[in-house]
Each structure stands twice: as structure tokens, then as C-alpha cells.
PDB file of all heavy atoms in Angstrom:
ATOM      1  N   ASP A   1       0.827  -1.215   0.000  1.00  0.00           N
ATOM      2  CA  ASP A   1       0.000   0.000   0.000  1.00  0.00           C
ATOM      3  C   ASP A   1       0.856   1.257   0.000  1.00  0.00           C
ATOM      4  O   ASP A   1       0.566   2.241   0.701  1.00  0.00           O
ATOM      5  CB  ASP A   1      -0.933  -0.002   1.210  1.00  0.00           C
ATOM      6  CG  ASP A   1      -2.061  -1.007   1.075  1.00  0.00           C
ATOM      7  OD1 ASP A   1      -2.389  -1.376  -0.069  1.00  0.00           O
ATOM      8  OD2 ASP A   1      -2.600  -1.450   2.108  1.00  0.00           O
ATOM      9  N   GLY A   2       1.927   1.227  -0.773  1.00  0.00           N
ATOM     10  CA  GLY A   2       2.785   2.400  -0.913  1.00  0.00           C
ATOM     11  C   GLY A   2       3.832   2.561   0.174  1.00  0.00           C
ATOM     12  O   GLY A   2       4.707   3.432   0.061  1.00  0.00           O
ATOM     13  N   ARG A   3       3.797   1.730   1.218  1.00  0.00           N
ATOM     14  CA  ARG A   3       4.798   1.820   2.294  1.00  0.00           C
ATOM     15  C   ARG A   3       5.974   0.914   1.951  1.00  0.00           C
ATOM     16  O   ARG A   3       5.843  -0.306   1.880  1.00  0.00           O
ATOM     17  CB  ARG A   3       4.181   1.416   3.627  1.00  0.00           C
ATOM     18  CG  ARG A   3       3.050   2.338   4.060  1.00  0.00           C
ATOM     19  CD  ARG A   3       2.528   1.929   5.418  1.00  0.00           C
ATOM     20  NE  ARG A   3       1.395   2.743   5.816  1.00  0.00           N
ATOM     21  CZ  ARG A   3       0.749   2.618   6.963  1.00  0.00           C
ATOM     22  NH1 ARG A   3       1.129   1.684   7.832  1.00  0.00           N
ATOM     23  NH2 ARG A   3      -0.261   3.396   7.264  1.00  0.00           N
ATOM     24  N   LYS A   4       7.129   1.515   1.788  1.00  0.00           N
ATOM     25  CA  LYS A   4       8.293   0.778   1.345  1.00  0.00           C
ATOM     26  C   LYS A   4       8.814  -0.167   2.431  1.00  0.00           C
ATOM     27  O   LYS A   4       8.859   0.178   3.605  1.00  0.00           O
ATOM     28  CB  LYS A   4       9.397   1.751   0.919  1.00  0.00           C
ATOM     29  CG  LYS A   4       9.094   2.475  -0.390  1.00  0.00           C
ATOM     30  CD  LYS A   4      10.327   3.171  -0.935  1.00  0.00           C
ATOM     31  CE  LYS A   4      10.060   3.730  -2.324  1.00  0.00           C
ATOM     32  NZ  LYS A   4      11.290   4.337  -2.908  1.00  0.00           N
ATOM     33  N   ILE A   5       9.238  -1.354   1.993  1.00  0.00           N
ATOM     34  CA  ILE A   5       9.797  -2.366   2.878  1.00  0.00           C
ATOM     35  C   ILE A   5      11.310  -2.392   2.671  1.00  0.00           C
ATOM     36  O   ILE A   5      11.768  -2.483   1.523  1.00  0.00           O
ATOM     37  CB  ILE A   5       9.217  -3.763   2.583  1.00  0.00           C
ATOM     38  CG1 ILE A   5       7.683  -3.709   2.465  1.00  0.00           C
ATOM     39  CG2 ILE A   5       9.658  -4.753   3.646  1.00  0.00           C
ATOM     40  CD1 ILE A   5       6.982  -3.261   3.709  1.00  0.00           C
ATOM     41  N   ASP A   6      12.082  -2.303   3.755  1.00  0.00           N
ATOM     42  CA  ASP A   6      13.530  -2.304   3.585  1.00  0.00           C
ATOM     43  C   ASP A   6      14.068  -3.729   3.442  1.00  0.00           C
ATOM     44  O   ASP A   6      13.314  -4.708   3.439  1.00  0.00           O
ATOM     45  CB  ASP A   6      14.228  -1.540   4.721  1.00  0.00           C
ATOM     46  CG  ASP A   6      14.141  -2.246   6.078  1.00  0.00           C
ATOM     47  OD1 ASP A   6      13.852  -3.455   6.120  1.00  0.00           O
ATOM     48  OD2 ASP A   6      14.381  -1.577   7.105  1.00  0.00           O
ATOM     49  N   ARG A   7      15.368  -3.871   3.336  1.00  0.00           N
ATOM     50  CA  ARG A   7      15.990  -5.164   3.072  1.00  0.00           C
ATOM     51  C   ARG A   7      15.815  -6.155   4.219  1.00  0.00           C
ATOM     52  O   ARG A   7      15.933  -7.361   4.022  1.00  0.00           O
ATOM     53  CB  ARG A   7      17.489  -4.971   2.795  1.00  0.00           C
ATOM     54  CG  ARG A   7      17.769  -4.014   1.664  1.00  0.00           C
ATOM     55  CD  ARG A   7      19.262  -3.834   1.457  1.00  0.00           C
ATOM     56  NE  ARG A   7      19.527  -2.807   0.429  1.00  0.00           N
ATOM     57  CZ  ARG A   7      20.672  -2.652  -0.192  1.00  0.00           C
ATOM     58  NH1 ARG A   7      21.695  -3.455   0.107  1.00  0.00           N
ATOM     59  NH2 ARG A   7      20.837  -1.708  -1.095  1.00  0.00           N
ATOM     60  N   ARG A   8      15.531  -5.652   5.417  1.00  0.00           N
ATOM     61  CA  ARG A   8      15.343  -6.521   6.586  1.00  0.00           C
ATOM     62  C   ARG A   8      13.880  -6.870   6.823  1.00  0.00           C
ATOM     63  O   ARG A   8      13.560  -7.620   7.736  1.00  0.00           O
ATOM     64  CB  ARG A   8      15.920  -5.860   7.840  1.00  0.00           C
ATOM     65  CG  ARG A   8      17.396  -5.529   7.762  1.00  0.00           C
ATOM     66  CD  ARG A   8      17.796  -4.656   8.945  1.00  0.00           C
ATOM     67  NE  ARG A   8      16.968  -3.465   9.000  1.00  0.00           N
ATOM     68  CZ  ARG A   8      16.512  -2.922  10.130  1.00  0.00           C
ATOM     69  NH1 ARG A   8      16.771  -3.492  11.288  1.00  0.00           N
ATOM     70  NH2 ARG A   8      15.773  -1.834  10.096  1.00  0.00           N
ATOM     71  N   GLY A   9      12.985  -6.280   6.031  1.00  0.00           N
ATOM     72  CA  GLY A   9      11.560  -6.546   6.199  1.00  0.00           C
ATOM     73  C   GLY A   9      10.870  -5.562   7.111  1.00  0.00           C
ATOM     74  O   GLY A   9       9.787  -5.849   7.623  1.00  0.00           O
ATOM     75  N   TYR A  10      11.460  -4.387   7.307  1.00  0.00           N
ATOM     76  CA  TYR A  10      10.859  -3.372   8.174  1.00  0.00           C
ATOM     77  C   TYR A  10      10.329  -2.208   7.346  1.00  0.00           C
ATOM     78  O   TYR A  10      10.774  -1.963   6.221  1.00  0.00           O
ATOM     79  CB  TYR A  10      11.883  -2.852   9.184  1.00  0.00           C
ATOM     80  CG  TYR A  10      12.159  -3.818  10.318  1.00  0.00           C
ATOM     81  CD1 TYR A  10      13.024  -4.888  10.149  1.00  0.00           C
ATOM     82  CD2 TYR A  10      11.546  -3.653  11.553  1.00  0.00           C
ATOM     83  CE1 TYR A  10      13.280  -5.781  11.177  1.00  0.00           C
ATOM     84  CE2 TYR A  10      11.791  -4.540  12.596  1.00  0.00           C
ATOM     85  CZ  TYR A  10      12.658  -5.598  12.399  1.00  0.00           C
ATOM     86  OH  TYR A  10      12.895  -6.481  13.413  1.00  0.00           O
ATOM     87  N   TYR A  11       9.379  -1.482   7.950  1.00  0.00           N
ATOM     88  CA  TYR A  11       8.863  -0.261   7.332  1.00  0.00           C
ATOM     89  C   TYR A  11       8.738   0.800   8.422  1.00  0.00           C
ATOM     90  O   TYR A  11       8.827   0.515   9.623  1.00  0.00           O
ATOM     91  CB  TYR A  11       7.501  -0.507   6.671  1.00  0.00           C
ATOM     92  CG  TYR A  11       6.339  -0.618   7.636  1.00  0.00           C
ATOM     93  CD1 TYR A  11       5.452   0.444   7.827  1.00  0.00           C
ATOM     94  CD2 TYR A  11       6.129  -1.780   8.380  1.00  0.00           C
ATOM     95  CE1 TYR A  11       4.389   0.345   8.718  1.00  0.00           C
ATOM     96  CE2 TYR A  11       5.074  -1.888   9.263  1.00  0.00           C
ATOM     97  CZ  TYR A  11       4.206  -0.822   9.435  1.00  0.00           C
ATOM     98  OH  TYR A  11       3.161  -0.916  10.325  1.00  0.00           O
ATOM     99  N   ASP A  12       8.521   2.025   8.022  1.00  0.00           N
ATOM    100  CA  ASP A  12       8.457   3.151   8.963  1.00  0.00           C
ATOM    101  C   ASP A  12       7.012   3.399   9.381  1.00  0.00           C
ATOM    102  O   ASP A  12       6.216   3.899   8.599  1.00  0.00           O
ATOM    103  CB  ASP A  12       9.056   4.402   8.326  1.00  0.00           C
ATOM    104  CG  ASP A  12       9.142   5.564   9.306  1.00  0.00           C
ATOM    105  OD1 ASP A  12       9.196   5.302  10.524  1.00  0.00           O
ATOM    106  OD2 ASP A  12       9.160   6.729   8.851  1.00  0.00           O
ATOM    107  N   HIS A  13       6.675   3.016  10.631  1.00  0.00           N
ATOM    108  CA  HIS A  13       5.328   3.253  11.158  1.00  0.00           C
ATOM    109  C   HIS A  13       5.264   4.681  11.695  1.00  0.00           C
ATOM    110  O   HIS A  13       6.190   5.145  12.365  1.00  0.00           O
ATOM    111  CB  HIS A  13       5.031   2.252  12.274  1.00  0.00           C
ATOM    112  CG  HIS A  13       3.616   2.276  12.749  1.00  0.00           C
ATOM    113  ND1 HIS A  13       3.134   3.216  13.644  1.00  0.00           N
ATOM    114  CD2 HIS A  13       2.550   1.470  12.443  1.00  0.00           C
ATOM    115  CE1 HIS A  13       1.869   2.982  13.881  1.00  0.00           C
ATOM    116  NE2 HIS A  13       1.484   1.939  13.163  1.00  0.00           N
ATOM    117  N   PRO A  14       4.183   5.416  11.431  1.00  0.00           N
ATOM    118  CA  PRO A  14       4.110   6.825  11.841  1.00  0.00           C
ATOM    119  C   PRO A  14       4.173   7.036  13.357  1.00  0.00           C
ATOM    120  O   PRO A  14       4.600   8.093  13.815  1.00  0.00           O
ATOM    121  CB  PRO A  14       2.761   7.294  11.271  1.00  0.00           C
ATOM    122  CG  PRO A  14       1.981   6.038  11.023  1.00  0.00           C
ATOM    123  CD  PRO A  14       2.989   5.002  10.681  1.00  0.00           C
ATOM    124  N   THR A  15       3.768   6.047  14.147  1.00  0.00           N
ATOM    125  CA  THR A  15       3.786   6.179  15.600  1.00  0.00           C
ATOM    126  C   THR A  15       4.916   5.390  16.248  1.00  0.00           C
ATOM    127  O   THR A  15       5.615   5.881  17.144  1.00  0.00           O
ATOM    128  CB  THR A  15       2.444   5.727  16.210  1.00  0.00           C
ATOM    129  OG1 THR A  15       1.392   6.501  15.637  1.00  0.00           O
ATOM    130  CG2 THR A  15       2.447   5.906  17.727  1.00  0.00           C
ATOM    131  N   TYR A  16       5.112   4.164  15.806  1.00  0.00           N
ATOM    132  CA  TYR A  16       6.039   3.253  16.474  1.00  0.00           C
ATOM    133  C   TYR A  16       7.425   3.187  15.842  1.00  0.00           C
ATOM    134  O   TYR A  16       8.301   2.497  16.365  1.00  0.00           O
ATOM    135  CB  TYR A  16       5.436   1.848  16.497  1.00  0.00           C
ATOM    136  CG  TYR A  16       4.121   1.765  17.243  1.00  0.00           C
ATOM    137  CD1 TYR A  16       3.010   1.154  16.661  1.00  0.00           C
ATOM    138  CD2 TYR A  16       3.993   2.291  18.522  1.00  0.00           C
ATOM    139  CE1 TYR A  16       1.804   1.069  17.357  1.00  0.00           C
ATOM    140  CE2 TYR A  16       2.794   2.214  19.208  1.00  0.00           C
ATOM    141  CZ  TYR A  16       1.704   1.596  18.617  1.00  0.00           C
ATOM    142  OH  TYR A  16       0.511   1.513  19.299  1.00  0.00           O
ATOM    143  N   GLY A  17       7.654   3.864  14.723  1.00  0.00           N
ATOM    144  CA  GLY A  17       8.957   3.790  14.080  1.00  0.00           C
ATOM    145  C   GLY A  17       9.104   2.515  13.269  1.00  0.00           C
ATOM    146  O   GLY A  17       8.149   2.062  12.638  1.00  0.00           O
ATOM    147  N   ASN A  18      10.279   1.919  13.266  1.00  0.00           N
ATOM    148  CA  ASN A  18      10.535   0.721  12.462  1.00  0.00           C
ATOM    149  C   ASN A  18       9.782  -0.487  13.020  1.00  0.00           C
ATOM    150  O   ASN A  18       9.979  -0.873  14.176  1.00  0.00           O
ATOM    151  CB  ASN A  18      12.033   0.405  12.435  1.00  0.00           C
ATOM    152  CG  ASN A  18      12.775   1.282  11.438  1.00  0.00           C
ATOM    153  OD1 ASN A  18      12.165   1.937  10.596  1.00  0.00           O
ATOM    154  ND2 ASN A  18      14.090   1.302  11.529  1.00  0.00           N
ATOM    155  N   LEU A  19       8.940  -1.075  12.190  1.00  0.00           N
ATOM    156  CA  LEU A  19       8.194  -2.280  12.555  1.00  0.00           C
ATOM    157  C   LEU A  19       8.320  -3.307  11.445  1.00  0.00           C
ATOM    158  O   LEU A  19       8.515  -2.964  10.278  1.00  0.00           O
ATOM    159  CB  LEU A  19       6.706  -1.973  12.768  1.00  0.00           C
ATOM    160  CG  LEU A  19       6.271  -1.278  14.047  1.00  0.00           C
ATOM    161  CD1 LEU A  19       4.754  -1.153  14.045  1.00  0.00           C
ATOM    162  CD2 LEU A  19       6.743  -2.006  15.281  1.00  0.00           C
ATOM    163  N   SER A  20       8.162  -4.580  11.816  1.00  0.00           N
ATOM    164  CA  SER A  20       8.142  -5.645  10.814  1.00  0.00           C
ATOM    165  C   SER A  20       6.957  -5.453   9.878  1.00  0.00           C
ATOM    166  O   SER A  20       5.862  -5.079  10.300  1.00  0.00           O
ATOM    167  CB  SER A  20       8.053  -7.005  11.501  1.00  0.00           C
ATOM    168  OG  SER A  20       7.810  -8.025  10.556  1.00  0.00           O
ATOM    169  N   TRP A  21       7.192  -5.767   8.612  1.00  0.00           N
ATOM    170  CA  TRP A  21       6.166  -5.561   7.590  1.00  0.00           C
ATOM    171  C   TRP A  21       4.892  -6.354   7.875  1.00  0.00           C
ATOM    172  O   TRP A  21       3.804  -5.999   7.405  1.00  0.00           O
ATOM    173  CB  TRP A  21       6.712  -5.962   6.219  1.00  0.00           C
ATOM    174  CG  TRP A  21       6.724  -7.452   6.010  1.00  0.00           C
ATOM    175  CD1 TRP A  21       7.591  -8.353   6.545  1.00  0.00           C
ATOM    176  CD2 TRP A  21       5.791  -8.200   5.237  1.00  0.00           C
ATOM    177  NE1 TRP A  21       7.273  -9.623   6.153  1.00  0.00           N
ATOM    178  CE2 TRP A  21       6.177  -9.561   5.341  1.00  0.00           C
ATOM    179  CE3 TRP A  21       4.683  -7.875   4.461  1.00  0.00           C
ATOM    180  CZ2 TRP A  21       5.485 -10.582   4.708  1.00  0.00           C
ATOM    181  CZ3 TRP A  21       3.998  -8.899   3.827  1.00  0.00           C
ATOM    182  CH2 TRP A  21       4.395 -10.223   3.949  1.00  0.00           C
ATOM    183  N   GLY A  22       4.989  -7.423   8.665  1.00  0.00           N
ATOM    184  CA  GLY A  22       3.819  -8.237   8.965  1.00  0.00           C
ATOM    185  C   GLY A  22       2.698  -7.475   9.632  1.00  0.00           C
ATOM    186  O   GLY A  22       1.522  -7.846   9.512  1.00  0.00           O
ATOM    187  N   HIS A  23       3.039  -6.373  10.333  1.00  0.00           N
ATOM    188  CA  HIS A  23       1.993  -5.577  10.988  1.00  0.00           C
ATOM    189  C   HIS A  23       1.085  -4.904   9.974  1.00  0.00           C
ATOM    190  O   HIS A  23      -0.093  -4.648  10.261  1.00  0.00           O
ATOM    191  CB  HIS A  23       2.634  -4.523  11.895  1.00  0.00           C
ATOM    192  CG  HIS A  23       1.636  -3.745  12.692  1.00  0.00           C
ATOM    193  ND1 HIS A  23       0.853  -4.309  13.671  1.00  0.00           N
ATOM    194  CD2 HIS A  23       1.273  -2.422  12.645  1.00  0.00           C
ATOM    195  CE1 HIS A  23       0.066  -3.388  14.201  1.00  0.00           C
ATOM    196  NE2 HIS A  23       0.292  -2.240  13.594  1.00  0.00           N
ATOM    197  N   LEU A  24       1.606  -4.638   8.787  1.00  0.00           N
ATOM    198  CA  LEU A  24       0.774  -4.043   7.739  1.00  0.00           C
ATOM    199  C   LEU A  24      -0.357  -4.986   7.334  1.00  0.00           C
ATOM    200  O   LEU A  24      -1.430  -4.543   6.921  1.00  0.00           O
ATOM    201  CB  LEU A  24       1.632  -3.716   6.507  1.00  0.00           C
ATOM    202  CG  LEU A  24       2.612  -2.549   6.648  1.00  0.00           C
ATOM    203  CD1 LEU A  24       3.557  -2.524   5.457  1.00  0.00           C
ATOM    204  CD2 LEU A  24       1.854  -1.236   6.772  1.00  0.00           C
ATOM    205  N   VAL A  25      -0.104  -6.283   7.460  1.00  0.00           N
ATOM    206  CA  VAL A  25      -1.104  -7.289   7.085  1.00  0.00           C
ATOM    207  C   VAL A  25      -1.972  -7.653   8.281  1.00  0.00           C
ATOM    208  O   VAL A  25      -3.191  -7.501   8.263  1.00  0.00           O
ATOM    209  CB  VAL A  25      -0.415  -8.557   6.532  1.00  0.00           C
ATOM    210  CG1 VAL A  25      -1.460  -9.608   6.156  1.00  0.00           C
ATOM    211  CG2 VAL A  25       0.452  -8.218   5.329  1.00  0.00           C
ATOM    212  N   ARG A  26      -1.328  -8.126   9.348  1.00  0.00           N
ATOM    213  CA  ARG A  26      -2.064  -8.701  10.471  1.00  0.00           C
ATOM    214  C   ARG A  26      -2.524  -7.656  11.482  1.00  0.00           C
ATOM    215  O   ARG A  26      -3.497  -7.891  12.202  1.00  0.00           O
ATOM    216  CB  ARG A  26      -1.204  -9.752  11.168  1.00  0.00           C
ATOM    217  CG  ARG A  26      -0.575 -10.756  10.216  1.00  0.00           C
ATOM    218  CD  ARG A  26      -0.375 -12.088  10.856  1.00  0.00           C
ATOM    219  NE  ARG A  26      -1.622 -12.809  10.999  1.00  0.00           N
ATOM    220  CZ  ARG A  26      -1.731 -13.999  11.577  1.00  0.00           C
ATOM    221  NH1 ARG A  26      -0.640 -14.586  12.066  1.00  0.00           N
ATOM    222  NH2 ARG A  26      -2.886 -14.609  11.674  1.00  0.00           N
ATOM    223  N   GLY A  27      -1.838  -6.533  11.555  1.00  0.00           N
ATOM    224  CA  GLY A  27      -2.167  -5.535  12.562  1.00  0.00           C
ATOM    225  C   GLY A  27      -3.008  -4.377  12.080  1.00  0.00           C
ATOM    226  O   GLY A  27      -3.624  -3.683  12.889  1.00  0.00           O
ATOM    227  N   GLU A  28      -3.037  -4.151  10.768  1.00  0.00           N
ATOM    228  CA  GLU A  28      -3.746  -2.975  10.256  1.00  0.00           C
ATOM    229  C   GLU A  28      -4.875  -3.324   9.296  1.00  0.00           C
ATOM    230  O   GLU A  28      -5.660  -2.457   8.925  1.00  0.00           O
ATOM    231  CB  GLU A  28      -2.752  -2.032   9.561  1.00  0.00           C
ATOM    232  CG  GLU A  28      -1.721  -1.437  10.519  1.00  0.00           C
ATOM    233  CD  GLU A  28      -0.902  -0.332   9.872  1.00  0.00           C
ATOM    234  OE1 GLU A  28      -1.152  -0.023   8.683  1.00  0.00           O
ATOM    235  OE2 GLU A  28      -0.031   0.235  10.548  1.00  0.00           O
ATOM    236  N   LYS A  29      -4.954  -4.579   8.877  1.00  0.00           N
ATOM    237  CA  LYS A  29      -5.988  -4.975   7.934  1.00  0.00           C
ATOM    238  C   LYS A  29      -6.941  -5.982   8.558  1.00  0.00           C
ATOM    239  O   LYS A  29      -6.642  -6.613   9.575  1.00  0.00           O
ATOM    240  CB  LYS A  29      -5.341  -5.604   6.691  1.00  0.00           C
ATOM    241  CG  LYS A  29      -4.509  -4.639   5.856  1.00  0.00           C
ATOM    242  CD  LYS A  29      -5.381  -3.648   5.103  1.00  0.00           C
ATOM    243  CE  LYS A  29      -4.540  -2.805   4.161  1.00  0.00           C
ATOM    244  NZ  LYS A  29      -5.381  -1.856   3.369  1.00  0.00           N
ATOM    245  N   SER A  30      -8.095  -6.137   7.930  1.00  0.00           N
ATOM    246  CA  SER A  30      -9.091  -7.109   8.373  1.00  0.00           C
ATOM    247  C   SER A  30      -9.330  -8.131   7.261  1.00  0.00           C
ATOM    248  O   SER A  30      -8.961  -7.908   6.095  1.00  0.00           O
ATOM    249  CB  SER A  30     -10.415  -6.410   8.712  1.00  0.00           C
ATOM    250  OG  SER A  30     -10.242  -5.480   9.763  1.00  0.00           O
ATOM    251  N   ILE A  31      -9.934  -9.230   7.631  1.00  0.00           N
ATOM    252  CA  ILE A  31     -10.271 -10.256   6.647  1.00  0.00           C
ATOM    253  C   ILE A  31     -11.218  -9.655   5.607  1.00  0.00           C
ATOM    254  O   ILE A  31     -12.205  -8.998   5.943  1.00  0.00           O
ATOM    255  CB  ILE A  31     -10.923 -11.468   7.332  1.00  0.00           C
ATOM    256  CG1 ILE A  31      -9.887 -12.177   8.215  1.00  0.00           C
ATOM    257  CG2 ILE A  31     -11.501 -12.437   6.313  1.00  0.00           C
ATOM    258  CD1 ILE A  31     -10.453 -13.277   9.065  1.00  0.00           C
ATOM    259  N   GLY A  32     -10.886  -9.847   4.335  1.00  0.00           N
ATOM    260  CA  GLY A  32     -11.695  -9.286   3.259  1.00  0.00           C
ATOM    261  C   GLY A  32     -11.160  -7.981   2.717  1.00  0.00           C
ATOM    262  O   GLY A  32     -11.575  -7.545   1.630  1.00  0.00           O
ATOM    263  N   ASP A  33     -10.230  -7.344   3.453  1.00  0.00           N
ATOM    264  CA  ASP A  33      -9.622  -6.103   2.951  1.00  0.00           C
ATOM    265  C   ASP A  33      -8.702  -6.406   1.778  1.00  0.00           C
ATOM    266  O   ASP A  33      -8.129  -7.495   1.668  1.00  0.00           O
ATOM    267  CB  ASP A  33      -8.814  -5.415   4.063  1.00  0.00           C
ATOM    268  CG  ASP A  33      -9.707  -4.755   5.100  1.00  0.00           C
ATOM    269  OD1 ASP A  33     -10.935  -4.705   4.883  1.00  0.00           O
ATOM    270  OD2 ASP A  33      -9.174  -4.302   6.135  1.00  0.00           O
ATOM    271  N   THR A  34      -8.523  -5.409   0.936  1.00  0.00           N
ATOM    272  CA  THR A  34      -7.626  -5.535  -0.206  1.00  0.00           C
ATOM    273  C   THR A  34      -6.385  -4.680   0.006  1.00  0.00           C
ATOM    274  O   THR A  34      -6.481  -3.550   0.491  1.00  0.00           O
ATOM    275  CB  THR A  34      -8.331  -5.101  -1.503  1.00  0.00           C
ATOM    276  OG1 THR A  34      -9.464  -5.945  -1.732  1.00  0.00           O
ATOM    277  CG2 THR A  34      -7.392  -5.213  -2.700  1.00  0.00           C
ATOM    278  N   MET A  35      -5.228  -5.228  -0.336  1.00  0.00           N
ATOM    279  CA  MET A  35      -3.995  -4.445  -0.255  1.00  0.00           C
ATOM    280  C   MET A  35      -3.253  -4.531  -1.588  1.00  0.00           C
ATOM    281  O   MET A  35      -3.379  -5.514  -2.329  1.00  0.00           O
ATOM    282  CB  MET A  35      -3.100  -4.919   0.891  1.00  0.00           C
ATOM    283  CG  MET A  35      -2.633  -6.345   0.804  1.00  0.00           C
ATOM    284  SD  MET A  35      -1.361  -6.761   2.054  1.00  0.00           S
ATOM    285  CE  MET A  35      -1.676  -5.640   3.372  1.00  0.00           C
ATOM    286  N   THR A  36      -2.505  -3.472  -1.868  1.00  0.00           N
ATOM    287  CA  THR A  36      -1.726  -3.414  -3.101  1.00  0.00           C
ATOM    288  C   THR A  36      -0.276  -3.729  -2.801  1.00  0.00           C
ATOM    289  O   THR A  36       0.360  -3.079  -1.972  1.00  0.00           O
ATOM    290  CB  THR A  36      -1.830  -2.024  -3.747  1.00  0.00           C
ATOM    291  OG1 THR A  36      -3.200  -1.729  -4.024  1.00  0.00           O
ATOM    292  CG2 THR A  36      -1.043  -1.983  -5.047  1.00  0.00           C
ATOM    293  N   LEU A  37       0.249  -4.746  -3.478  1.00  0.00           N
ATOM    294  CA  LEU A  37       1.628  -5.163  -3.298  1.00  0.00           C
ATOM    295  C   LEU A  37       2.453  -4.728  -4.496  1.00  0.00           C
ATOM    296  O   LEU A  37       2.141  -5.085  -5.638  1.00  0.00           O
ATOM    297  CB  LEU A  37       1.711  -6.677  -3.142  1.00  0.00           C
ATOM    298  CG  LEU A  37       0.903  -7.282  -1.983  1.00  0.00           C
ATOM    299  CD1 LEU A  37       0.839  -8.800  -2.107  1.00  0.00           C
ATOM    300  CD2 LEU A  37       1.534  -6.898  -0.654  1.00  0.00           C
TER     301      LEU A  37
END
């Protein structure tokens, strides 16, 4: 969804700083949501 993933699998969260990319899927989305990869 436009948030770049670095070589270690992290992205820049606006509140928490560097987080694992998995939070973009499991922590911010719901079942049935669509994301752009």
C-alpha cells in the first residue's frame, strides 16, 4: 500500500517507528480487505 519495505523486512510506522512488515497485514488490515503489493 505504498509503504516501502527495507531489506530486513521493516517499514516506517508513523507512531512506532521501524516495525516488521507483517503488521501491515495482520495488525492494520481485516479479513476481506484488499492491499496493493
